[in-house]
PDB file of N, CA and C in Angstrom:
ATOM      1  N   UNK A   1      42.614 -73.020 172.408  1.00  0.00           N
ATOM      2  CA  UNK A   1      41.507 -73.421 171.900  1.00  0.00           C
ATOM      3  C   UNK A   1      40.501 -72.427 172.814  1.00  0.00           C
ATOM      4  N   UNK A   2      40.981 -72.109 173.863  1.00  0.00           N
ATOM      5  CA  UNK A   2      40.417 -70.742 174.697  1.00  0.00           C
ATOM      6  C   UNK A   2      40.126 -69.766 174.384  1.00  0.00           C
ATOM      7  N   UNK A   3      40.950 -69.178 173.506  1.00  0.00           N
ATOM      8  CA  UNK A   3      40.809 -67.768 172.549  1.00  0.00           C
ATOM      9  C   UNK A   3      39.907 -68.147 171.435  1.00  0.00           C
ATOM     10  N   UNK A   4      39.468 -69.234 171.284  1.00  0.00           N
ATOM     11  CA  UNK A   4      38.568 -69.116 169.867  1.00  0.00           C
ATOM     12  C   UNK A   4      38.994 -69.138 169.096  1.00  0.00           C
ATOM     13  N   UNK A   5      39.932 -69.277 168.566  1.00  0.00           N
ATOM     14  CA  UNK A   5      40.843 -68.616 167.139  1.00  0.00           C
ATOM     15  C   UNK A   5      41.547 -70.277 166.722  1.00  0.00           C
ATOM     16  N   UNK A   6      41.447 -70.636 165.430  1.00  0.00           N
ATOM     17  CA  UNK A   6      41.443 -71.454 164.746  1.00  0.00           C
ATOM     18  C   UNK A   6      40.862 -72.852 164.882  1.00  0.00           C
ATOM     19  N   UNK A   7      39.825 -72.777 165.727  1.00  0.00           N
ATOM     20  CA  UNK A   7      38.871 -74.328 166.345  1.00  0.00           C
ATOM     21  C   UNK A   7      38.432 -74.820 164.969  1.00  0.00           C
ATOM     22  N   UNK A   8      37.873 -73.727 164.069  1.00  0.00           N
ATOM     23  CA  UNK A   8      37.542 -74.877 162.776  1.00  0.00           C
ATOM     24  C   UNK A   8      38.462 -75.180 162.074  1.00  0.00           C
ATOM     25  N   UNK A   9      39.467 -74.708 162.043  1.00  0.00           N
ATOM     26  CA  UNK A   9      40.736 -75.717 161.412  1.00  0.00           C
ATOM     27  C   UNK A   9      40.927 -76.739 162.097  1.00  0.00           C
ATOM     28  N   UNK A  10      41.295 -76.920 163.522  1.00  0.00           N
ATOM     29  CA  UNK A  10      41.646 -77.716 164.441  1.00  0.00           C
ATOM     30  C   UNK A  10      40.544 -78.691 163.925  1.00  0.00           C
ATOM     31  N   UNK A  11      38.925 -78.385 164.075  1.00  0.00           N
ATOM     32  CA  UNK A  11      38.022 -79.637 163.795  1.00  0.00           C
ATOM     33  C   UNK A  11      38.439 -79.905 162.864  1.00  0.00           C
ATOM     34  N   UNK A  12      38.684 -79.712 161.456  1.00  0.00           N
ATOM     35  CA  UNK A  12      38.665 -80.273 160.254  1.00  0.00           C
ATOM     36  C   UNK A  12      39.897 -81.064 160.419  1.00  0.00           C
ATOM     37  N   UNK A  13      41.092 -80.948 161.131  1.00  0.00           N
ATOM     38  CA  UNK A  13      42.044 -81.704 161.236  1.00  0.00           C
ATOM     39  C   UNK A  13      41.775 -82.965 161.971  1.00  0.00           C
ATOM     40  N   UNK A  14      40.888 -82.758 162.632  1.00  0.00           N
ATOM     41  CA  UNK A  14      40.173 -83.977 163.720  1.00  0.00           C
ATOM     42  C   UNK A  14      39.589 -84.773 162.983  1.00  0.00           C
ATOM     43  N   UNK A  15      38.424 -84.164 161.851  1.00  0.00           N
ATOM     44  CA  UNK A  15      37.601 -84.973 160.965  1.00  0.00           C
ATOM     45  C   UNK A  15      38.742 -85.830 159.889  1.00  0.00           C
ATOM     46  N   UNK A  16      39.280 -85.323 159.559  1.00  0.00           N
ATOM     47  CA  UNK A  16      40.554 -85.940 158.807  1.00  0.00           C
ATOM     48  C   UNK A  16      41.304 -86.856 159.313  1.00  0.00           C
ATOM     49  N   UNK A  17      41.569 -86.948 160.602  1.00  0.00           N
ATOM     50  CA  UNK A  17      42.328 -87.715 161.074  1.00  0.00           C
ATOM     51  C   UNK A  17      41.460 -89.214 161.490  1.00  0.00           C
ATOM     52  N   UNK A  18      40.129 -88.562 161.990  1.00  0.00           N
ATOM     53  CA  UNK A  18      39.224 -89.534 161.970  1.00  0.00           C
ATOM     54  C   UNK A  18      39.007 -90.746 160.876  1.00  0.00           C
ATOM     55  N   UNK A  19      39.044 -90.044 159.403  1.00  0.00           N
ATOM     56  CA  UNK A  19      38.846 -90.650 158.351  1.00  0.00           C
ATOM     57  C   UNK A  19      40.019 -91.425 157.738  1.00  0.00           C
ATOM     58  N   UNK A  20      40.918 -90.710 157.973  1.00  0.00           N
ATOM     59  CA  UNK A  20      42.208 -91.621 158.001  1.00  0.00           C
ATOM     60  C   UNK A  20      41.900 -92.945 158.791  1.00  0.00           C
ATOM     61  N   UNK A  21      41.925 -92.811 160.119  1.00  0.00           N
ATOM     62  CA  UNK A  21      41.743 -94.275 160.486  1.00  0.00           C
ATOM     63  C   UNK A  21      41.013 -94.731 160.238  1.00  0.00           C
ATOM     64  N   UNK A  22      39.518 -94.482 159.916  1.00  0.00           N
ATOM     65  CA  UNK A  22      38.697 -95.649 159.569  1.00  0.00           C
ATOM     66  C   UNK A  22      39.478 -96.199 158.341  1.00  0.00           C
ATOM     67  N   UNK A  23      39.638 -95.664 157.391  1.00  0.00           N
ATOM     68  CA  UNK A  23      40.369 -96.359 156.280  1.00  0.00           C
ATOM     69  C   UNK A  23      41.608 -97.412 156.487  1.00  0.00           C
ATOM     70  N   UNK A  24      42.490 -96.889 157.537  1.00  0.00           N
ATOM     71  CA  UNK A  24      43.171 -97.654 157.973  1.00  0.00           C
ATOM     72  C   UNK A  24      42.893 -99.223 158.263  1.00  0.00           C
ATOM     73  N   UNK A  25      41.528 -98.950 159.034  1.00  0.00           N
ATOM     74  CA  UNK A  25      40.444 -99.949 159.396  1.00  0.00           C
ATOM     75  C   UNK A  25      40.082-100.982 158.427  1.00  0.00           C
ATOM     76  N   UNK A  26      40.132-100.151 157.041  1.00  0.00           N
ATOM     77  CA  UNK A  26      39.095-100.657 156.160  1.00  0.00           C
ATOM     78  C   UNK A  26      38.128-100.806 156.361  1.00  0.00           C
ATOM     79  N   UNK A  27      37.458 -99.857 157.148  1.00  0.00           N
ATOM     80  CA  UNK A  27      35.917 -98.880 157.214  1.00  0.00           C
ATOM     81  C   UNK A  27      35.566 -97.907 156.234  1.00  0.00           C
ATOM     82  N   UNK A  28      34.419 -98.098 155.866  1.00  0.00           N
ATOM     83  CA  UNK A  28      33.873 -96.956 155.050  1.00  0.00           C
ATOM     84  C   UNK A  28      33.659 -95.450 155.927  1.00  0.00           C
ATOM     85  N   UNK A  29      34.393 -94.520 155.881  1.00  0.00           N
ATOM     86  CA  UNK A  29      34.135 -93.432 156.918  1.00  0.00           C
ATOM     87  C   UNK A  29      32.402 -92.616 156.895  1.00  0.00           C
ATOM     88  N   UNK A  30      32.613 -92.594 155.915  1.00  0.00           N
ATOM     89  CA  UNK A  30      30.968 -91.593 155.811  1.00  0.00           C
ATOM     90  C   UNK A  30      29.682 -93.030 155.953  1.00  0.00           C
ATOM     91  N   UNK A  31      29.891 -94.135 155.795  1.00  0.00           N
ATOM     92  CA  UNK A  31      29.014 -95.087 156.063  1.00  0.00           C
ATOM     93  C   UNK A  31      29.102 -95.457 157.671  1.00  0.00           C
ATOM     94  N   UNK A  32      30.320 -95.141 158.207  1.00  0.00           N
ATOM     95  CA  UNK A  32      30.599 -95.600 159.880  1.00  0.00           C
ATOM     96  C   UNK A  32      29.730 -94.063 160.327  1.00  0.00           C
ATOM     97  N   UNK A  33      29.582 -92.735 159.656  1.00  0.00           N
ATOM     98  CA  UNK A  33      29.000 -91.638 160.133  1.00  0.00           C
ATOM     99  C   UNK A  33      27.868 -91.861 160.090  1.00  0.00           C
ATOM    100  N   UNK A  34      27.304 -92.429 158.968  1.00  0.00           N
ATOM    101  CA  UNK A  34      25.860 -92.821 158.812  1.00  0.00           C
ATOM    102  C   UNK A  34      25.154 -93.340 160.173  1.00  0.00           C
ATOM    103  N   UNK A  35      25.970 -94.590 160.372  1.00  0.00           N
ATOM    104  CA  UNK A  35      25.654 -95.772 161.298  1.00  0.00           C
ATOM    105  C   UNK A  35      25.620 -94.825 162.847  1.00  0.00           C
ATOM    106  N   UNK A  36      26.179 -93.803 163.190  1.00  0.00           N
ATOM    107  CA  UNK A  36      26.273 -93.003 163.942  1.00  0.00           C
ATOM    108  C   UNK A  36      25.131 -92.691 164.207  1.00  0.00           C
ATOM    109  N   UNK A  37      24.851 -91.582 162.909  1.00  0.00           N
ATOM    110  CA  UNK A  37      23.749 -90.958 163.221  1.00  0.00           C
ATOM    111  C   UNK A  37      22.523 -91.565 163.322  1.00  0.00           C
ATOM    112  N   UNK A  38      22.433 -92.665 162.761  1.00  0.00           N
ATOM    113  CA  UNK A  38      20.725 -93.202 162.779  1.00  0.00           C
ATOM    114  C   UNK A  38      21.082 -93.643 164.159  1.00  0.00           C
ATOM    115  N   UNK A  39      22.096 -94.346 164.865  1.00  0.00           N
ATOM    116  CA  UNK A  39      22.035 -94.875 166.415  1.00  0.00           C
ATOM    117  C   UNK A  39      21.557 -93.093 167.013  1.00  0.00           C
ATOM    118  N   UNK A  40      22.300 -92.235 166.762  1.00  0.00           N
ATOM    119  CA  UNK A  40      21.863 -91.399 167.727  1.00  0.00           C
ATOM    120  C   UNK A  40      20.368 -90.987 167.758  1.00  0.00           C
ATOM    121  N   UNK A  41      19.471 -91.129 166.468  1.00  0.00           N
ATOM    122  CA  UNK A  41      18.458 -90.623 166.380  1.00  0.00           C
ATOM    123  C   UNK A  41      17.467 -91.541 167.322  1.00  0.00           C
ATOM    124  N   UNK A  42      18.132 -93.224 166.977  1.00  0.00           N
ATOM    125  CA  UNK A  42      16.929 -94.175 167.469  1.00  0.00           C
ATOM    126  C   UNK A  42      17.274 -93.570 169.199  1.00  0.00           C
ATOM    127  N   UNK A  43      18.082 -93.346 169.438  1.00  0.00           N
ATOM    128  CA  UNK A  43      18.316 -93.223 171.352  1.00  0.00           C
ATOM    129  C   UNK A  43      17.748 -92.171 171.202  1.00  0.00           C
ATOM    130  N   UNK A  44      17.871 -90.772 170.464  1.00  0.00           N
ATOM    131  CA  UNK A  44      17.183 -89.684 171.111  1.00  0.00           C
ATOM    132  C   UNK A  44      15.710 -89.944 170.815  1.00  0.00           C
ATOM    133  N   UNK A  45      14.822 -90.285 169.979  1.00  0.00           N
ATOM    134  CA  UNK A  45      13.467 -90.973 169.882  1.00  0.00           C
ATOM    135  C   UNK A  45      13.164 -91.592 171.078  1.00  0.00           C
ATOM    136  N   UNK A  46      13.929 -92.658 171.445  1.00  0.00           N
ATOM    137  CA  UNK A  46      13.743 -93.348 173.177  1.00  0.00           C
ATOM    138  C   UNK A  46      13.242 -92.776 173.768  1.00  0.00           C
ATOM    139  N   UNK A  47      14.503 -91.679 173.966  1.00  0.00           N
ATOM    140  CA  UNK A  47      14.482 -90.513 175.268  1.00  0.00           C
ATOM    141  C   UNK A  47      13.155 -89.797 175.342  1.00  0.00           C
ATOM    142  N   UNK A  48      13.109 -89.521 173.992  1.00  0.00           N
ATOM    143  CA  UNK A  48      11.812 -88.440 173.940  1.00  0.00           C
ATOM    144  C   UNK A  48      10.650 -89.288 174.422  1.00  0.00           C
ATOM    145  N   UNK A  49      10.350 -90.554 173.882  1.00  0.00           N
ATOM    146  CA  UNK A  49       9.425 -91.058 174.575  1.00  0.00           C
ATOM    147  C   UNK A  49       9.217 -91.700 175.963  1.00  0.00           C
ATOM    148  N   UNK A  50      10.399 -92.061 176.295  1.00  0.00           N
ATOM    149  CA  UNK A  50      10.257 -91.883 177.942  1.00  0.00           C
ATOM    150  C   UNK A  50      10.281 -90.954 178.792  1.00  0.00           C
ATOM    151  N   UNK A  51      10.499 -89.387 178.004  1.00  0.00           N
ATOM    152  CA  UNK A  51      10.398 -88.667 178.792  1.00  0.00           C
ATOM    153  C   UNK A  51       8.595 -88.409 178.592  1.00  0.00           C
ATOM    154  N   UNK A  52       8.148 -88.337 178.005  1.00  0.00           N
ATOM    155  CA  UNK A  52       6.752 -87.777 177.480  1.00  0.00           C
ATOM    156  C   UNK A  52       5.892 -88.915 178.030  1.00  0.00           C
ATOM    157  N   UNK A  53       6.270 -90.801 178.663  1.00  0.00           N
ATOM    158  CA  UNK A  53       5.324 -91.414 178.888  1.00  0.00           C
ATOM    159  C   UNK A  53       5.752 -90.824 180.546  1.00  0.00           C
ATOM    160  N   UNK A  54       6.929 -90.182 181.096  1.00  0.00           N
ATOM    161  CA  UNK A  54       7.043 -89.817 182.499  1.00  0.00           C
ATOM    162  C   UNK A  54       6.103 -88.176 182.716  1.00  0.00           C
ATOM    163  N   UNK A  55       5.643 -88.001 181.885  1.00  0.00           N
ATOM    164  CA  UNK A  55       4.695 -86.715 181.966  1.00  0.00           C
ATOM    165  C   UNK A  55       5.270 -85.233 181.917  1.00  0.00           C
ATOM    166  N   UNK A  56       6.762 -85.558 181.669  1.00  0.00           N
ATOM    167  CA  UNK A  56       7.612 -84.454 181.497  1.00  0.00           C
ATOM    168  C   UNK A  56       7.953 -83.829 180.247  1.00  0.00           C
ATOM    169  N   UNK A  57       8.551 -82.770 180.250  1.00  0.00           N
ATOM    170  CA  UNK A  57       8.773 -81.658 178.885  1.00  0.00           C
ATOM    171  C   UNK A  57      10.291 -81.634 178.903  1.00  0.00           C
ATOM    172  N   UNK A  58      10.660 -82.340 177.300  1.00  0.00           N
ATOM    173  CA  UNK A  58      11.896 -82.186 177.403  1.00  0.00           C
ATOM    174  C   UNK A  58      12.758 -80.782 177.361  1.00  0.00           C
ATOM    175  N   UNK A  59      11.952 -79.700 176.915  1.00  0.00           N
ATOM    176  CA  UNK A  59      11.992 -78.418 176.885  1.00  0.00           C
ATOM    177  C   UNK A  59      12.313 -77.598 178.271  1.00  0.00           C
ATOM    178  N   UNK A  60      11.550 -78.342 179.743  1.00  0.00           N
ATOM    179  CA  UNK A  60      11.629 -78.022 180.755  1.00  0.00           C
ATOM    180  C   UNK A  60      12.895 -78.409 181.487  1.00  0.00           C
ATOM    181  N   UNK A  61      13.529 -79.417 180.980  1.00  0.00           N
ATOM    182  CA  UNK A  61      14.493 -80.469 181.782  1.00  0.00           C
ATOM    183  C   UNK A  61      15.654 -79.708 181.645  1.00  0.00           C
ATOM    184  N   UNK A  62      16.716 -79.988 182.849  1.00  0.00           N
ATOM    185  CA  UNK A  62      17.671 -79.671 182.914  1.00  0.00           C
ATOM    186  C   UNK A  62      18.806 -80.926 182.272  1.00  0.00           C
ATOM    187  N   UNK A  63      20.030 -80.203 181.438  1.00  0.00           N
ATOM    188  CA  UNK A  63      20.983 -81.182 180.989  1.00  0.00           C
ATOM    189  C   UNK A  63      21.173 -82.417 181.910  1.00  0.00           C
ATOM    190  N   UNK A  64      21.306 -82.802 183.153  1.00  0.00           N
ATOM    191  CA  UNK A  64      21.319 -83.685 184.305  1.00  0.00           C
ATOM    192  C   UNK A  64      20.147 -84.399 183.971  1.00  0.00           C
ATOM    193  N   UNK A  65      18.702 -83.873 184.037  1.00  0.00           N
ATOM    194  CA  UNK A  65      17.656 -85.033 183.584  1.00  0.00           C
ATOM    195  C   UNK A  65      17.697 -85.193 182.580  1.00  0.00           C
ATOM    196  N   UNK A  66      18.104 -84.867 181.297  1.00  0.00           N
ATOM    197  CA  UNK A  66      18.224 -85.335 180.084  1.00  0.00           C
ATOM    198  C   UNK A  66      19.016 -86.427 179.828  1.00  0.00           C
ATOM    199  N   UNK A  67      20.036 -86.205 180.643  1.00  0.00           N
ATOM    200  CA  UNK A  67      21.600 -87.130 180.671  1.00  0.00           C
ATOM    201  C   UNK A  67      20.594 -88.876 181.166  1.00  0.00           C
ATOM    202  N   UNK A  68      19.972 -88.557 182.403  1.00  0.00           N
ATOM    203  CA  UNK A  68      19.407 -89.553 182.863  1.00  0.00           C
ATOM    204  C   UNK A  68      18.581 -90.347 181.979  1.00  0.00           C
ATOM    205  N   UNK A  69      17.669 -90.108 181.304  1.00  0.00           N
ATOM    206  CA  UNK A  69      16.993 -90.262 180.326  1.00  0.00           C
ATOM    207  C   UNK A  69      17.238 -90.894 178.848  1.00  0.00           C
ATOM    208  N   UNK A  70      18.978 -90.104 178.713  1.00  0.00           N
ATOM    209  CA  UNK A  70      19.763 -90.396 177.671  1.00  0.00           C
ATOM    210  C   UNK A  70      20.231 -91.876 177.774  1.00  0.00           C
ATOM    211  N   UNK A  71      20.760 -92.180 178.843  1.00  0.00           N
ATOM    212  CA  UNK A  71      21.325 -92.982 179.675  1.00  0.00           C
ATOM    213  C   UNK A  71      20.264 -94.308 179.443  1.00  0.00           C
ATOM    214  N   UNK A  72      18.634 -93.936 179.730  1.00  0.00           N
ATOM    215  CA  UNK A  72      17.830 -94.871 180.086  1.00  0.00           C
ATOM    216  C   UNK A  72      17.717 -95.826 178.859  1.00  0.00           C
ATOM    217  N   UNK A  73      17.936 -94.403 177.461  1.00  0.00           N
ATOM    218  CA  UNK A  73      17.459 -95.108 176.033  1.00  0.00           C
ATOM    219  C   UNK A  73      18.654 -95.891 175.709  1.00  0.00           C
ATOM    220  N   UNK A  74      20.040 -95.445 176.197  1.00  0.00           N
ATOM    221  CA  UNK A  74      21.286 -96.423 175.285  1.00  0.00           C
ATOM    222  C   UNK A  74      20.916 -97.822 176.083  1.00  0.00           C
ATOM    223  N   UNK A  75      20.436 -97.759 177.559  1.00  0.00           N
ATOM    224  CA  UNK A  75      20.361 -99.298 178.335  1.00  0.00           C
ATOM    225  C   UNK A  75      19.341-100.053 177.362  1.00  0.00           C
ATOM    226  N   UNK A  76      18.568 -99.841 177.382  1.00  0.00           N
ATOM    227  CA  UNK A  76      17.511-100.055 176.487  1.00  0.00           C
ATOM    228  C   UNK A  76      17.279-100.463 175.134  1.00  0.00           C
ATOM    229  N   UNK A  77      18.091-100.230 174.607  1.00  0.00           N
ATOM    230  CA  UNK A  77      18.894-100.694 173.154  1.00  0.00           C
ATOM    231  C   UNK A  77      19.281-101.879 173.015  1.00  0.00           C
ATOM    232  N   UNK A  78      19.980-102.066 174.225  1.00  0.00           N
ATOM    233  CA  UNK A  78      20.702-103.451 174.144  1.00  0.00           C
ATOM    234  C   UNK A  78      19.855-104.343 175.048  1.00  0.00           C
ATOM    235  N   UNK A  79      18.514-104.300 175.325  1.00  0.00           N
ATOM    236  CA  UNK A  79      17.744-105.109 176.141  1.00  0.00           C
ATOM    237  C   UNK A  79      16.805-105.822 174.930  1.00  0.00           C
TER     238      UNK A  79
END
């Protein structure tokens, strides 16, 4: 992977294997992905609200700062 060669094919294999695990578990892989996408969107929107409430701008934050707000959004989802 360090060379960058074949990564797209390897990722395709990973996606295929993940869908196969879903099938073996009796899950709809596409629906599972939609649910995960919806969860990501909810958390990201909450993160943006928290950042805005703190008077900060997402575009000016470091990845470490963003991660703190991401964790806050995840935690608030369960409360």
